[in-house]
Every structure is written in C-alpha cells, then in structure tokens.
Amino acid sequence: MSTQKVAAWSHAEGFVAPTAEIEQARSRGEALGAMPVGAGVGALLQVLAAAIGAKAVMEIGTGAGVSGLWLLGGMPVDGVLTTIDLEAEHQYAARDAFAAAGIAHQRTRVITGRALDVLPRMTDGAYDLVVVDADKQEYPSYVEQAARLLRHGGTLVLTWSDAESDPANRDPQTRTLREVGRTLRERDDFVVALLPAGDGVLVAVKR
C-alpha cells in the first residue's frame, strides 16, 4: 500500500470524532478486555443505521456499549437496539454507557446469554439491521440467523479481520471468514461488499 493510501485510510478512520460518552465506554471496554470498534467502523455503523432508517437493530456482541452508542446515534428516536453478550459484566458496562449518553431505557433491550441460544427465539423478518462483532468461528451460524431475522432490504454487518487479506494466513479463524465471505458472495439473496474500515467490515443487503 502506498504512503498516500495509508494516510488516506488514517484520515478516514478519524474523520468522525467519537462523543465523550463513546470515549468513556471505549476506556471501560478496554479495561474489561472487550475491545471496541474504532471510530471508522463506528461512524460506518451510524451512517448505515441512518441510511436505512433502522428502527429495529440486532447487535451480537455488546462489549461495553461502544458500537451500540454509534448505532443509536444513527437510529430514529423511536428505534430500539437489541444487544446480546455472554458476559454480564460487559452488559453492566453497556447499560451504564447508554444511561450516561441519555439514552431512554426503553430504546435498548440488553440480553445476557449465548447468542445462538437467544437468536432462535427472535421473530423472523423483524429487524432492519443485524450487526455481528463476536466470536468469528461462529459467524456461519450468525449469518444463517441473520438471514432469517432480517427483513427484505435489511442489512447485515460483520466486523472482519485484516488477516483474511493475506493468502498465507490459514488459521481456523481466517479460514472461517474466507468461507463466510465466499458463501455470502454466492448467495442469491444478498448483495455484498467488503469495506476497508478498521480491520475490515463486510456489509450485505438482503434482497
């Protein structure tokens, strides 16, 4: 990558500044070991939520609430974020972050548990946006659940790994991501793009 392209990527990553509440949530997430999305990915999530007027958003992987705050920033005032995480401590941190940002409690539904146990109980076609930032080994199962949960025209977002771009990387996580990417590209019911934000973000719109 040329020096100019690296500079352009760096500029894009910091183009939209996070709020003070997001920065506070980021610090708490890092302390908990729940690594949050960066500003570039967060801004993308916010724009996608705003672009489709997402009133019902499903998030898999709450962390300390950083990505949730970005999403809520792009959602309409009556939009509801449902967010799932296995770690109760992460959920407590996220609730605090939402409260600190002045988010009305009825706009978030915070669920502690294993996502693959929770998702089958959710309603088919009820979500405008599904965001996955969780165990990448489970991405194939998350994609299948998202395909069921999303309405037609709804959007799936998967945080990626820059390791996937190197053909020499053949670890299990990278192989899983490659398979997920290939499968989504070949599906007739999704339109797909891989975007260079953060470590990569795969975006797929359900036809």
N, C-alpha and C. Protein backbone atom coordinates (compact mmCIF):
# COMPACT_ATOMS: atom_id res chain seq x y z
N MET A 1 0.85 -1.19 0.00
CA MET A 1 0.00 0.00 0.00
C MET A 1 0.88 1.24 0.00
N SER A 2 0.56 2.21 -0.85
CA SER A 2 1.36 3.41 -0.94
C SER A 2 1.20 4.25 0.32
N THR A 3 2.21 5.13 0.55
CA THR A 3 2.14 6.03 1.71
C THR A 3 0.90 6.91 1.65
N GLN A 4 0.54 7.34 0.44
CA GLN A 4 -0.65 8.19 0.28
C GLN A 4 -1.92 7.44 0.67
N LYS A 5 -2.00 6.16 0.29
CA LYS A 5 -3.19 5.38 0.64
C LYS A 5 -3.27 5.15 2.15
N VAL A 6 -2.12 4.91 2.78
CA VAL A 6 -2.10 4.74 4.24
C VAL A 6 -2.57 6.02 4.92
N ALA A 7 -2.11 7.17 4.43
CA ALA A 7 -2.52 8.45 5.01
C ALA A 7 -4.02 8.68 4.81
N ALA A 8 -4.53 8.30 3.63
CA ALA A 8 -5.96 8.47 3.35
C ALA A 8 -6.79 7.59 4.27
N TRP A 9 -6.34 6.34 4.47
CA TRP A 9 -7.06 5.42 5.38
C TRP A 9 -7.07 5.98 6.79
N SER A 10 -5.91 6.46 7.25
CA SER A 10 -5.81 7.02 8.60
C SER A 10 -6.72 8.24 8.75
N HIS A 11 -6.76 9.07 7.72
CA HIS A 11 -7.63 10.25 7.74
C HIS A 11 -9.10 9.84 7.83
N ALA A 12 -9.47 8.81 7.06
CA ALA A 12 -10.85 8.34 7.06
C ALA A 12 -11.23 7.76 8.42
N GLU A 13 -10.30 7.06 9.05
CA GLU A 13 -10.59 6.43 10.35
C GLU A 13 -10.93 7.47 11.41
N GLY A 14 -10.32 8.64 11.33
CA GLY A 14 -10.57 9.66 12.34
C GLY A 14 -11.44 10.80 11.86
N PHE A 15 -12.10 10.62 10.71
CA PHE A 15 -12.86 11.71 10.09
C PHE A 15 -14.04 12.14 10.96
N VAL A 16 -14.71 11.19 11.60
CA VAL A 16 -15.83 11.50 12.51
C VAL A 16 -15.36 11.21 13.93
N ALA A 17 -15.36 12.22 14.76
CA ALA A 17 -14.87 12.07 16.12
C ALA A 17 -15.93 11.43 17.01
N PRO A 18 -15.53 10.51 17.88
CA PRO A 18 -16.49 9.93 18.83
C PRO A 18 -16.90 10.94 19.89
N THR A 19 -18.08 10.76 20.44
CA THR A 19 -18.54 11.61 21.53
C THR A 19 -17.77 11.28 22.81
N ALA A 20 -17.90 12.14 23.80
CA ALA A 20 -17.26 11.90 25.09
C ALA A 20 -17.78 10.61 25.72
N GLU A 21 -19.06 10.34 25.55
CA GLU A 21 -19.65 9.11 26.11
C GLU A 21 -19.08 7.87 25.44
N ILE A 22 -18.86 7.94 24.14
CA ILE A 22 -18.26 6.81 23.43
C ILE A 22 -16.82 6.60 23.90
N GLU A 23 -16.09 7.69 24.08
CA GLU A 23 -14.71 7.57 24.56
C GLU A 23 -14.66 6.94 25.95
N GLN A 24 -15.61 7.33 26.81
CA GLN A 24 -15.66 6.75 28.15
C GLN A 24 -15.97 5.26 28.08
N ALA A 25 -16.92 4.90 27.22
CA ALA A 25 -17.27 3.49 27.06
C ALA A 25 -16.09 2.71 26.48
N ARG A 26 -15.35 3.33 25.57
CA ARG A 26 -14.17 2.69 24.99
C ARG A 26 -13.13 2.37 26.08
N SER A 27 -12.88 3.33 26.94
CA SER A 27 -11.90 3.12 28.01
C SER A 27 -12.33 1.99 28.93
N ARG A 28 -13.61 1.95 29.25
CA ARG A 28 -14.10 0.89 30.13
C ARG A 28 -14.04 -0.46 29.43
N GLY A 29 -14.37 -0.47 28.14
CA GLY A 29 -14.30 -1.72 27.38
C GLY A 29 -12.89 -2.27 27.32
N GLU A 30 -11.93 -1.40 27.09
CA GLU A 30 -10.54 -1.84 27.04
C GLU A 30 -10.10 -2.40 28.38
N ALA A 31 -10.54 -1.79 29.47
CA ALA A 31 -10.20 -2.28 30.81
C ALA A 31 -10.81 -3.64 31.07
N LEU A 32 -11.97 -3.91 30.47
CA LEU A 32 -12.64 -5.20 30.65
C LEU A 32 -12.14 -6.26 29.67
N GLY A 33 -11.32 -5.84 28.72
CA GLY A 33 -10.87 -6.79 27.69
C GLY A 33 -11.88 -6.97 26.59
N ALA A 34 -12.86 -6.08 26.51
CA ALA A 34 -13.87 -6.11 25.45
C ALA A 34 -13.48 -5.05 24.43
N MET A 35 -12.62 -5.41 23.49
CA MET A 35 -12.05 -4.44 22.57
C MET A 35 -13.14 -3.83 21.67
N PRO A 36 -13.32 -2.53 21.74
CA PRO A 36 -14.40 -1.88 21.00
C PRO A 36 -14.02 -1.59 19.56
N VAL A 37 -15.02 -1.32 18.74
CA VAL A 37 -14.76 -0.89 17.37
C VAL A 37 -14.14 0.49 17.40
N GLY A 38 -13.34 0.79 16.36
CA GLY A 38 -12.75 2.10 16.26
C GLY A 38 -13.73 3.11 15.69
N ALA A 39 -13.28 4.36 15.62
CA ALA A 39 -14.16 5.44 15.16
C ALA A 39 -14.58 5.25 13.70
N GLY A 40 -13.68 4.71 12.87
CA GLY A 40 -14.03 4.49 11.47
C GLY A 40 -15.18 3.52 11.31
N VAL A 41 -15.11 2.39 12.03
CA VAL A 41 -16.20 1.40 11.98
C VAL A 41 -17.44 1.95 12.66
N GLY A 42 -17.27 2.63 13.79
CA GLY A 42 -18.42 3.20 14.48
C GLY A 42 -19.19 4.18 13.61
N ALA A 43 -18.45 5.06 12.94
CA ALA A 43 -19.11 6.02 12.06
C ALA A 43 -19.84 5.33 10.92
N LEU A 44 -19.26 4.24 10.40
CA LEU A 44 -19.93 3.47 9.36
C LEU A 44 -21.22 2.86 9.88
N LEU A 45 -21.19 2.31 11.08
CA LEU A 45 -22.41 1.75 11.67
C LEU A 45 -23.48 2.83 11.82
N GLN A 46 -23.07 4.00 12.27
CA GLN A 46 -24.02 5.10 12.45
C GLN A 46 -24.65 5.51 11.13
N VAL A 47 -23.83 5.61 10.09
CA VAL A 47 -24.33 6.00 8.78
C VAL A 47 -25.27 4.94 8.21
N LEU A 48 -24.91 3.67 8.35
CA LEU A 48 -25.78 2.61 7.83
C LEU A 48 -27.13 2.61 8.53
N ALA A 49 -27.12 2.78 9.86
CA ALA A 49 -28.38 2.82 10.61
C ALA A 49 -29.23 4.00 10.15
N ALA A 50 -28.58 5.15 9.91
CA ALA A 50 -29.32 6.33 9.46
C ALA A 50 -29.82 6.15 8.03
N ALA A 51 -29.00 5.54 7.17
CA ALA A 51 -29.35 5.42 5.75
C ALA A 51 -30.61 4.60 5.53
N ILE A 52 -30.79 3.57 6.35
CA ILE A 52 -31.96 2.70 6.16
C ILE A 52 -33.06 3.01 7.17
N GLY A 53 -32.85 4.05 7.98
CA GLY A 53 -33.87 4.39 8.98
C GLY A 53 -34.14 3.24 9.93
N ALA A 54 -33.08 2.60 10.41
CA ALA A 54 -33.21 1.36 11.18
C ALA A 54 -33.91 1.59 12.51
N LYS A 55 -35.12 1.06 12.63
CA LYS A 55 -35.86 1.16 13.89
C LYS A 55 -35.68 -0.07 14.78
N ALA A 56 -35.32 -1.20 14.17
CA ALA A 56 -35.11 -2.43 14.92
C ALA A 56 -33.73 -2.97 14.55
N VAL A 57 -32.80 -2.91 15.50
CA VAL A 57 -31.42 -3.33 15.26
C VAL A 57 -31.07 -4.45 16.22
N MET A 58 -30.45 -5.50 15.68
CA MET A 58 -29.94 -6.60 16.49
C MET A 58 -28.43 -6.54 16.48
N GLU A 59 -27.83 -6.52 17.66
CA GLU A 59 -26.38 -6.50 17.79
C GLU A 59 -25.92 -7.75 18.52
N ILE A 60 -24.99 -8.48 17.93
CA ILE A 60 -24.41 -9.67 18.56
C ILE A 60 -23.00 -9.32 18.98
N GLY A 61 -22.81 -9.20 20.29
CA GLY A 61 -21.54 -8.75 20.84
C GLY A 61 -21.66 -7.32 21.33
N THR A 62 -22.11 -7.16 22.58
CA THR A 62 -22.37 -5.83 23.14
C THR A 62 -21.09 -5.11 23.51
N GLY A 63 -20.11 -5.86 24.04
CA GLY A 63 -18.93 -5.21 24.59
C GLY A 63 -19.35 -4.27 25.70
N ALA A 64 -18.72 -3.09 25.75
CA ALA A 64 -19.06 -2.11 26.78
C ALA A 64 -20.00 -1.04 26.25
N GLY A 65 -20.60 -1.29 25.08
CA GLY A 65 -21.62 -0.39 24.56
C GLY A 65 -21.14 0.61 23.53
N VAL A 66 -19.88 0.51 23.09
CA VAL A 66 -19.35 1.48 22.13
C VAL A 66 -20.09 1.40 20.80
N SER A 67 -20.16 0.22 20.22
CA SER A 67 -20.86 0.08 18.94
C SER A 67 -22.34 0.39 19.09
N GLY A 68 -22.92 0.05 20.23
CA GLY A 68 -24.32 0.37 20.48
C GLY A 68 -24.58 1.86 20.47
N LEU A 69 -23.68 2.64 21.05
CA LEU A 69 -23.84 4.09 21.05
C LEU A 69 -23.74 4.66 19.64
N TRP A 70 -22.82 4.15 18.84
CA TRP A 70 -22.73 4.59 17.45
C TRP A 70 -24.03 4.26 16.71
N LEU A 71 -24.53 3.05 16.88
CA LEU A 71 -25.77 2.64 16.22
C LEU A 71 -26.94 3.51 16.64
N LEU A 72 -27.10 3.71 17.93
CA LEU A 72 -28.19 4.53 18.43
C LEU A 72 -28.11 5.96 17.90
N GLY A 73 -26.88 6.43 17.68
CA GLY A 73 -26.70 7.77 17.14
C GLY A 73 -27.24 7.92 15.72
N GLY A 74 -27.37 6.81 14.99
CA GLY A 74 -27.90 6.86 13.64
C GLY A 74 -29.34 6.43 13.52
N MET A 75 -29.88 5.85 14.58
CA MET A 75 -31.25 5.35 14.55
C MET A 75 -32.24 6.47 14.85
N PRO A 76 -33.49 6.34 14.37
CA PRO A 76 -34.52 7.32 14.73
C PRO A 76 -34.81 7.25 16.23
N VAL A 77 -35.43 8.30 16.75
CA VAL A 77 -35.62 8.41 18.19
C VAL A 77 -36.51 7.32 18.76
N ASP A 78 -37.30 6.66 17.91
CA ASP A 78 -38.14 5.57 18.39
C ASP A 78 -37.54 4.21 18.06
N GLY A 79 -36.28 4.19 17.61
CA GLY A 79 -35.62 2.93 17.29
C GLY A 79 -35.20 2.18 18.54
N VAL A 80 -35.19 0.85 18.44
CA VAL A 80 -34.83 0.00 19.59
C VAL A 80 -33.64 -0.88 19.20
N LEU A 81 -32.61 -0.85 20.04
CA LEU A 81 -31.44 -1.70 19.88
C LEU A 81 -31.54 -2.90 20.80
N THR A 82 -31.53 -4.10 20.21
CA THR A 82 -31.44 -5.34 20.98
C THR A 82 -30.00 -5.82 20.90
N THR A 83 -29.35 -6.00 22.03
CA THR A 83 -27.94 -6.36 22.02
C THR A 83 -27.68 -7.53 22.96
N ILE A 84 -26.90 -8.49 22.47
CA ILE A 84 -26.68 -9.76 23.18
C ILE A 84 -25.20 -9.94 23.46
N ASP A 85 -24.87 -10.35 24.68
CA ASP A 85 -23.48 -10.66 25.03
C ASP A 85 -23.49 -11.74 26.10
N LEU A 86 -22.47 -12.59 26.05
CA LEU A 86 -22.36 -13.67 27.01
C LEU A 86 -21.91 -13.18 28.38
N GLU A 87 -21.16 -12.07 28.41
CA GLU A 87 -20.56 -11.59 29.64
C GLU A 87 -21.45 -10.57 30.34
N ALA A 88 -21.91 -10.90 31.54
CA ALA A 88 -22.78 -9.99 32.29
C ALA A 88 -22.07 -8.69 32.62
N GLU A 89 -20.76 -8.75 32.88
CA GLU A 89 -20.01 -7.54 33.22
C GLU A 89 -19.98 -6.56 32.05
N HIS A 90 -19.91 -7.10 30.84
CA HIS A 90 -19.97 -6.25 29.66
C HIS A 90 -21.33 -5.56 29.57
N GLN A 91 -22.36 -6.31 29.87
CA GLN A 91 -23.71 -5.75 29.80
C GLN A 91 -23.92 -4.64 30.82
N TYR A 92 -23.38 -4.83 32.02
CA TYR A 92 -23.49 -3.76 33.03
C TYR A 92 -22.81 -2.49 32.52
N ALA A 93 -21.64 -2.65 31.92
CA ALA A 93 -20.90 -1.50 31.40
C ALA A 93 -21.69 -0.83 30.28
N ALA A 94 -22.31 -1.63 29.42
CA ALA A 94 -23.09 -1.06 28.32
C ALA A 94 -24.29 -0.30 28.84
N ARG A 95 -24.98 -0.86 29.82
CA ARG A 95 -26.13 -0.14 30.39
C ARG A 95 -25.71 1.20 30.96
N ASP A 96 -24.56 1.22 31.66
CA ASP A 96 -24.05 2.48 32.21
C ASP A 96 -23.74 3.47 31.09
N ALA A 97 -23.15 2.96 30.01
CA ALA A 97 -22.80 3.83 28.88
C ALA A 97 -24.05 4.42 28.23
N PHE A 98 -25.07 3.61 28.07
CA PHE A 98 -26.32 4.11 27.47
C PHE A 98 -26.96 5.16 28.37
N ALA A 99 -26.95 4.91 29.67
CA ALA A 99 -27.54 5.86 30.61
C ALA A 99 -26.76 7.17 30.61
N ALA A 100 -25.42 7.08 30.58
CA ALA A 100 -24.58 8.28 30.59
C ALA A 100 -24.81 9.13 29.34
N ALA A 101 -25.17 8.48 28.24
CA ALA A 101 -25.43 9.20 26.99
C ALA A 101 -26.87 9.71 26.90
N GLY A 102 -27.66 9.47 27.93
CA GLY A 102 -29.03 9.96 27.95
C GLY A 102 -29.98 9.15 27.09
N ILE A 103 -29.63 7.89 26.82
CA ILE A 103 -30.49 7.03 26.02
C ILE A 103 -31.65 6.52 26.88
N ALA A 104 -32.87 6.75 26.44
CA ALA A 104 -34.04 6.28 27.20
C ALA A 104 -33.98 4.76 27.33
N HIS A 105 -34.31 4.25 28.51
CA HIS A 105 -34.14 2.82 28.78
C HIS A 105 -34.98 1.94 27.85
N GLN A 106 -36.10 2.47 27.37
CA GLN A 106 -36.95 1.66 26.50
C GLN A 106 -36.38 1.52 25.09
N ARG A 107 -35.30 2.23 24.79
CA ARG A 107 -34.69 2.13 23.47
C ARG A 107 -33.64 1.03 23.38
N THR A 108 -33.34 0.37 24.49
CA THR A 108 -32.37 -0.72 24.47
C THR A 108 -32.93 -1.96 25.15
N ARG A 109 -32.63 -3.08 24.56
CA ARG A 109 -33.00 -4.37 25.16
C ARG A 109 -31.70 -5.15 25.28
N VAL A 110 -31.18 -5.23 26.48
CA VAL A 110 -29.86 -5.82 26.74
C VAL A 110 -30.06 -7.24 27.27
N ILE A 111 -29.55 -8.21 26.52
CA ILE A 111 -29.78 -9.62 26.86
C ILE A 111 -28.44 -10.30 27.13
N THR A 112 -28.33 -10.91 28.31
CA THR A 112 -27.13 -11.65 28.66
C THR A 112 -27.35 -13.13 28.35
N GLY A 113 -26.47 -13.69 27.54
CA GLY A 113 -26.59 -15.10 27.19
C GLY A 113 -25.81 -15.42 25.92
N ARG A 114 -25.81 -16.68 25.57
CA ARG A 114 -25.15 -17.12 24.34
C ARG A 114 -26.06 -16.77 23.16
N ALA A 115 -25.53 -16.02 22.23
CA ALA A 115 -26.35 -15.51 21.13
C ALA A 115 -27.07 -16.62 20.37
N LEU A 116 -26.40 -17.74 20.16
CA LEU A 116 -27.02 -18.81 19.38
C LEU A 116 -28.13 -19.53 20.14
N ASP A 117 -28.22 -19.28 21.44
CA ASP A 117 -29.36 -19.77 22.22
C ASP A 117 -30.51 -18.76 22.19
N VAL A 118 -30.16 -17.47 22.10
CA VAL A 118 -31.16 -16.40 22.16
C VAL A 118 -31.79 -16.14 20.79
N LEU A 119 -30.99 -16.10 19.75
CA LEU A 119 -31.47 -15.69 18.42
C LEU A 119 -32.63 -16.53 17.89
N PRO A 120 -32.64 -17.85 18.08
CA PRO A 120 -33.76 -18.63 17.54
C PRO A 120 -35.12 -18.22 18.11
N ARG A 121 -35.13 -17.51 19.23
CA ARG A 121 -36.39 -17.07 19.83
C ARG A 121 -36.86 -15.74 19.27
N MET A 122 -36.05 -15.10 18.43
CA MET A 122 -36.40 -13.81 17.86
C MET A 122 -37.25 -13.98 16.60
N THR A 123 -38.03 -12.96 16.28
CA THR A 123 -39.04 -13.04 15.22
C THR A 123 -38.42 -12.91 13.83
N ASP A 124 -38.87 -13.77 12.93
CA ASP A 124 -38.41 -13.73 11.53
C ASP A 124 -38.75 -12.38 10.89
N GLY A 125 -37.81 -11.85 10.11
CA GLY A 125 -38.05 -10.66 9.32
C GLY A 125 -38.36 -9.41 10.11
N ALA A 126 -37.96 -9.38 11.39
CA ALA A 126 -38.35 -8.27 12.26
C ALA A 126 -37.30 -7.19 12.39
N TYR A 127 -36.12 -7.38 11.78
CA TYR A 127 -35.02 -6.46 12.02
C TYR A 127 -34.56 -5.78 10.73
N ASP A 128 -34.23 -4.50 10.87
CA ASP A 128 -33.72 -3.71 9.75
C ASP A 128 -32.22 -3.89 9.58
N LEU A 129 -31.53 -4.13 10.69
CA LEU A 129 -30.07 -4.18 10.69
C LEU A 129 -29.61 -5.20 11.72
N VAL A 130 -28.70 -6.08 11.32
CA VAL A 130 -28.06 -7.03 12.24
C VAL A 130 -26.56 -6.79 12.18
N VAL A 131 -25.96 -6.54 13.34
CA VAL A 131 -24.53 -6.25 13.43
C VAL A 131 -23.87 -7.34 14.27
N VAL A 132 -22.81 -7.94 13.73
CA VAL A 132 -22.12 -9.03 14.42
C VAL A 132 -20.67 -8.63 14.67
N ASP A 133 -20.30 -8.58 15.94
CA ASP A 133 -18.92 -8.34 16.36
C ASP A 133 -18.65 -9.28 17.52
N ALA A 134 -18.45 -10.54 17.18
CA ALA A 134 -18.37 -11.58 18.20
C ALA A 134 -17.40 -12.67 17.74
N ASP A 135 -17.52 -13.86 18.32
CA ASP A 135 -16.64 -14.99 18.00
C ASP A 135 -16.73 -15.31 16.51
N LYS A 136 -15.67 -15.09 15.79
CA LYS A 136 -15.70 -15.27 14.34
C LYS A 136 -15.84 -16.73 13.93
N GLN A 137 -15.52 -17.64 14.80
CA GLN A 137 -15.72 -19.06 14.50
C GLN A 137 -17.20 -19.39 14.38
N GLU A 138 -18.04 -18.56 14.99
CA GLU A 138 -19.49 -18.80 14.95
C GLU A 138 -20.19 -17.97 13.87
N TYR A 139 -19.43 -17.26 13.06
CA TYR A 139 -20.03 -16.42 12.02
C TYR A 139 -20.95 -17.19 11.06
N PRO A 140 -20.59 -18.41 10.65
CA PRO A 140 -21.53 -19.12 9.75
C PRO A 140 -22.93 -19.26 10.35
N SER A 141 -22.99 -19.56 11.64
CA SER A 141 -24.29 -19.70 12.30
C SER A 141 -24.98 -18.35 12.45
N TYR A 142 -24.21 -17.31 12.74
CA TYR A 142 -24.79 -15.98 12.86
C TYR A 142 -25.37 -15.51 11.52
N VAL A 143 -24.69 -15.81 10.44
CA VAL A 143 -25.20 -15.41 9.12
C VAL A 143 -26.53 -16.09 8.84
N GLU A 144 -26.65 -17.35 9.17
CA GLU A 144 -27.91 -18.06 8.94
C GLU A 144 -29.03 -17.47 9.77
N GLN A 145 -28.73 -17.12 11.01
CA GLN A 145 -29.74 -16.49 11.86
C GLN A 145 -30.12 -15.11 11.31
N ALA A 146 -29.12 -14.34 10.88
CA ALA A 146 -29.38 -13.01 10.35
C ALA A 146 -30.24 -13.07 9.10
N ALA A 147 -30.00 -14.06 8.24
CA ALA A 147 -30.80 -14.19 7.02
C ALA A 147 -32.27 -14.39 7.34
N ARG A 148 -32.54 -15.03 8.46
CA ARG A 148 -33.92 -15.25 8.89
C ARG A 148 -34.49 -14.01 9.56
N LEU A 149 -33.67 -13.33 10.36
CA LEU A 149 -34.16 -12.20 11.16
C LEU A 149 -34.37 -10.93 10.36
N LEU A 150 -33.58 -10.74 9.28
CA LEU A 150 -33.65 -9.50 8.52
C LEU A 150 -34.89 -9.44 7.63
N ARG A 151 -35.45 -8.25 7.53
CA ARG A 151 -36.50 -8.00 6.54
C ARG A 151 -35.84 -7.90 5.16
N HIS A 152 -36.64 -7.97 4.12
CA HIS A 152 -36.12 -7.72 2.78
C HIS A 152 -35.66 -6.27 2.70
N GLY A 153 -34.45 -6.06 2.20
CA GLY A 153 -33.87 -4.72 2.20
C GLY A 153 -33.08 -4.42 3.45
N GLY A 154 -33.11 -5.34 4.42
CA GLY A 154 -32.34 -5.18 5.65
C GLY A 154 -30.86 -5.42 5.41
N THR A 155 -30.04 -4.99 6.36
CA THR A 155 -28.59 -5.02 6.18
C THR A 155 -27.91 -5.83 7.27
N LEU A 156 -26.96 -6.66 6.84
CA LEU A 156 -26.12 -7.44 7.75
C LEU A 156 -24.73 -6.82 7.74
N VAL A 157 -24.15 -6.63 8.94
CA VAL A 157 -22.80 -6.10 9.07
C VAL A 157 -21.98 -7.07 9.91
N LEU A 158 -20.83 -7.48 9.38
CA LEU A 158 -19.92 -8.36 10.10
C LEU A 158 -18.58 -7.66 10.25
N THR A 159 -18.09 -7.48 11.48
CA THR A 159 -16.72 -6.98 11.62
C THR A 159 -15.78 -8.09 11.16
N TRP A 160 -14.71 -7.70 10.50
CA TRP A 160 -13.84 -8.65 9.80
C TRP A 160 -12.47 -8.71 10.47
N SER A 161 -11.50 -9.26 9.78
CA SER A 161 -10.10 -9.31 10.24
C SER A 161 -9.20 -9.04 9.06
N ASP A 162 -8.22 -8.14 9.24
CA ASP A 162 -7.32 -7.85 8.13
C ASP A 162 -6.41 -9.03 7.80
N ALA A 163 -6.34 -10.02 8.70
CA ALA A 163 -5.54 -11.21 8.42
C ALA A 163 -6.11 -11.99 7.23
N GLU A 164 -7.41 -11.84 6.98
CA GLU A 164 -8.05 -12.59 5.90
C GLU A 164 -7.52 -12.19 4.53
N SER A 165 -6.98 -10.98 4.42
CA SER A 165 -6.49 -10.50 3.13
C SER A 165 -5.16 -11.12 2.72
N ASP A 166 -4.47 -11.74 3.65
CA ASP A 166 -3.17 -12.35 3.36
C ASP A 166 -3.36 -13.83 3.05
N PRO A 167 -3.10 -14.25 1.80
CA PRO A 167 -3.31 -15.66 1.44
C PRO A 167 -2.48 -16.64 2.27
N ALA A 168 -1.40 -16.15 2.88
CA ALA A 168 -0.55 -17.03 3.68
C ALA A 168 -1.18 -17.40 5.01
N ASN A 169 -2.16 -16.63 5.45
CA ASN A 169 -2.82 -16.92 6.73
C ASN A 169 -3.85 -18.03 6.53
N ARG A 170 -3.67 -19.11 7.28
CA ARG A 170 -4.56 -20.26 7.15
C ARG A 170 -5.04 -20.78 8.50
N ASP A 171 -5.03 -19.90 9.50
CA ASP A 171 -5.52 -20.30 10.82
C ASP A 171 -7.03 -20.52 10.75
N PRO A 172 -7.59 -21.22 11.73
CA PRO A 172 -9.02 -21.56 11.69
C PRO A 172 -9.94 -20.35 11.55
N GLN A 173 -9.64 -19.25 12.27
CA GLN A 173 -10.50 -18.08 12.18
C GLN A 173 -10.49 -17.49 10.77
N THR A 174 -9.30 -17.39 10.19
CA THR A 174 -9.19 -16.82 8.85
C THR A 174 -9.90 -17.71 7.83
N ARG A 175 -9.75 -19.01 7.96
CA ARG A 175 -10.42 -19.92 7.03
C ARG A 175 -11.93 -19.79 7.16
N THR A 176 -12.42 -19.59 8.39
CA THR A 176 -13.87 -19.41 8.59
C THR A 176 -14.35 -18.13 7.90
N LEU A 177 -13.61 -17.04 8.05
CA LEU A 177 -14.00 -15.79 7.42
C LEU A 177 -14.02 -15.92 5.90
N ARG A 178 -13.02 -16.59 5.35
CA ARG A 178 -12.99 -16.77 3.90
C ARG A 178 -14.21 -17.55 3.42
N GLU A 179 -14.58 -18.57 4.18
CA GLU A 179 -15.74 -19.37 3.80
C GLU A 179 -17.03 -18.55 3.91
N VAL A 180 -17.13 -17.75 4.97
CA VAL A 180 -18.31 -16.89 5.13
C VAL A 180 -18.39 -15.90 3.98
N GLY A 181 -17.26 -15.28 3.65
CA GLY A 181 -17.26 -14.32 2.55
C GLY A 181 -17.64 -14.97 1.23
N ARG A 182 -17.08 -16.15 0.96
CA ARG A 182 -17.38 -16.86 -0.29
C ARG A 182 -18.86 -17.23 -0.34
N THR A 183 -19.37 -17.73 0.76
CA THR A 183 -20.77 -18.16 0.80
C THR A 183 -21.72 -16.99 0.56
N LEU A 184 -21.44 -15.85 1.20
CA LEU A 184 -22.30 -14.68 1.02
C LEU A 184 -22.23 -14.15 -0.40
N ARG A 185 -21.04 -14.17 -1.01
CA ARG A 185 -20.91 -13.71 -2.39
C ARG A 185 -21.73 -14.56 -3.34
N GLU A 186 -21.84 -15.84 -3.02
CA GLU A 186 -22.52 -16.77 -3.92
C GLU A 186 -24.02 -16.88 -3.67
N ARG A 187 -24.50 -16.30 -2.57
CA ARG A 187 -25.92 -16.37 -2.27
C ARG A 187 -26.69 -15.42 -3.18
N ASP A 188 -27.84 -15.86 -3.62
CA ASP A 188 -28.69 -15.01 -4.47
C ASP A 188 -29.51 -14.01 -3.66
N ASP A 189 -29.61 -14.24 -2.35
CA ASP A 189 -30.47 -13.38 -1.54
C ASP A 189 -29.72 -12.25 -0.84
N PHE A 190 -28.42 -12.06 -1.14
CA PHE A 190 -27.66 -10.97 -0.55
C PHE A 190 -26.81 -10.27 -1.61
N VAL A 191 -26.68 -8.95 -1.47
CA VAL A 191 -25.72 -8.16 -2.23
C VAL A 191 -24.62 -7.76 -1.26
N VAL A 192 -23.35 -8.00 -1.60
CA VAL A 192 -22.26 -7.97 -0.62
C VAL A 192 -21.15 -7.01 -1.03
N ALA A 193 -20.53 -6.37 -0.03
CA ALA A 193 -19.30 -5.60 -0.24
C ALA A 193 -18.43 -5.74 1.01
N LEU A 194 -17.11 -5.78 0.81
CA LEU A 194 -16.15 -5.79 1.91
C LEU A 194 -15.47 -4.42 1.93
N LEU A 195 -15.65 -3.68 3.02
CA LEU A 195 -15.20 -2.30 3.10
C LEU A 195 -13.94 -2.18 3.97
N PRO A 196 -13.01 -1.30 3.59
CA PRO A 196 -11.75 -1.15 4.32
C PRO A 196 -11.84 -0.18 5.49
N ALA A 197 -12.73 -0.44 6.42
CA ALA A 197 -12.83 0.36 7.64
C ALA A 197 -12.34 -0.51 8.80
N GLY A 198 -11.53 0.06 9.68
CA GLY A 198 -10.97 -0.73 10.76
C GLY A 198 -10.18 -1.89 10.21
N ASP A 199 -10.44 -3.10 10.71
CA ASP A 199 -9.82 -4.31 10.19
C ASP A 199 -10.63 -4.93 9.07
N GLY A 200 -11.62 -4.16 8.59
CA GLY A 200 -12.50 -4.64 7.53
C GLY A 200 -13.92 -4.81 8.05
N VAL A 201 -14.88 -4.48 7.21
CA VAL A 201 -16.30 -4.64 7.55
C VAL A 201 -17.01 -5.22 6.34
N LEU A 202 -17.64 -6.36 6.51
CA LEU A 202 -18.43 -6.94 5.43
C LEU A 202 -19.87 -6.48 5.60
N VAL A 203 -20.43 -5.92 4.52
CA VAL A 203 -21.81 -5.43 4.53
C VAL A 203 -22.59 -6.19 3.48
N ALA A 204 -23.76 -6.72 3.86
CA ALA A 204 -24.59 -7.49 2.94
C ALA A 204 -26.04 -7.03 3.09
N VAL A 205 -26.66 -6.71 1.97
CA VAL A 205 -28.06 -6.28 1.97
C VAL A 205 -28.93 -7.44 1.48
N LYS A 206 -29.97 -7.74 2.23
CA LYS A 206 -30.86 -8.84 1.86
C LYS A 206 -31.82 -8.39 0.77
N ARG A 207 -31.84 -9.12 -0.33
CA ARG A 207 -32.73 -8.78 -1.45
C ARG A 207 -34.19 -8.96 -1.05
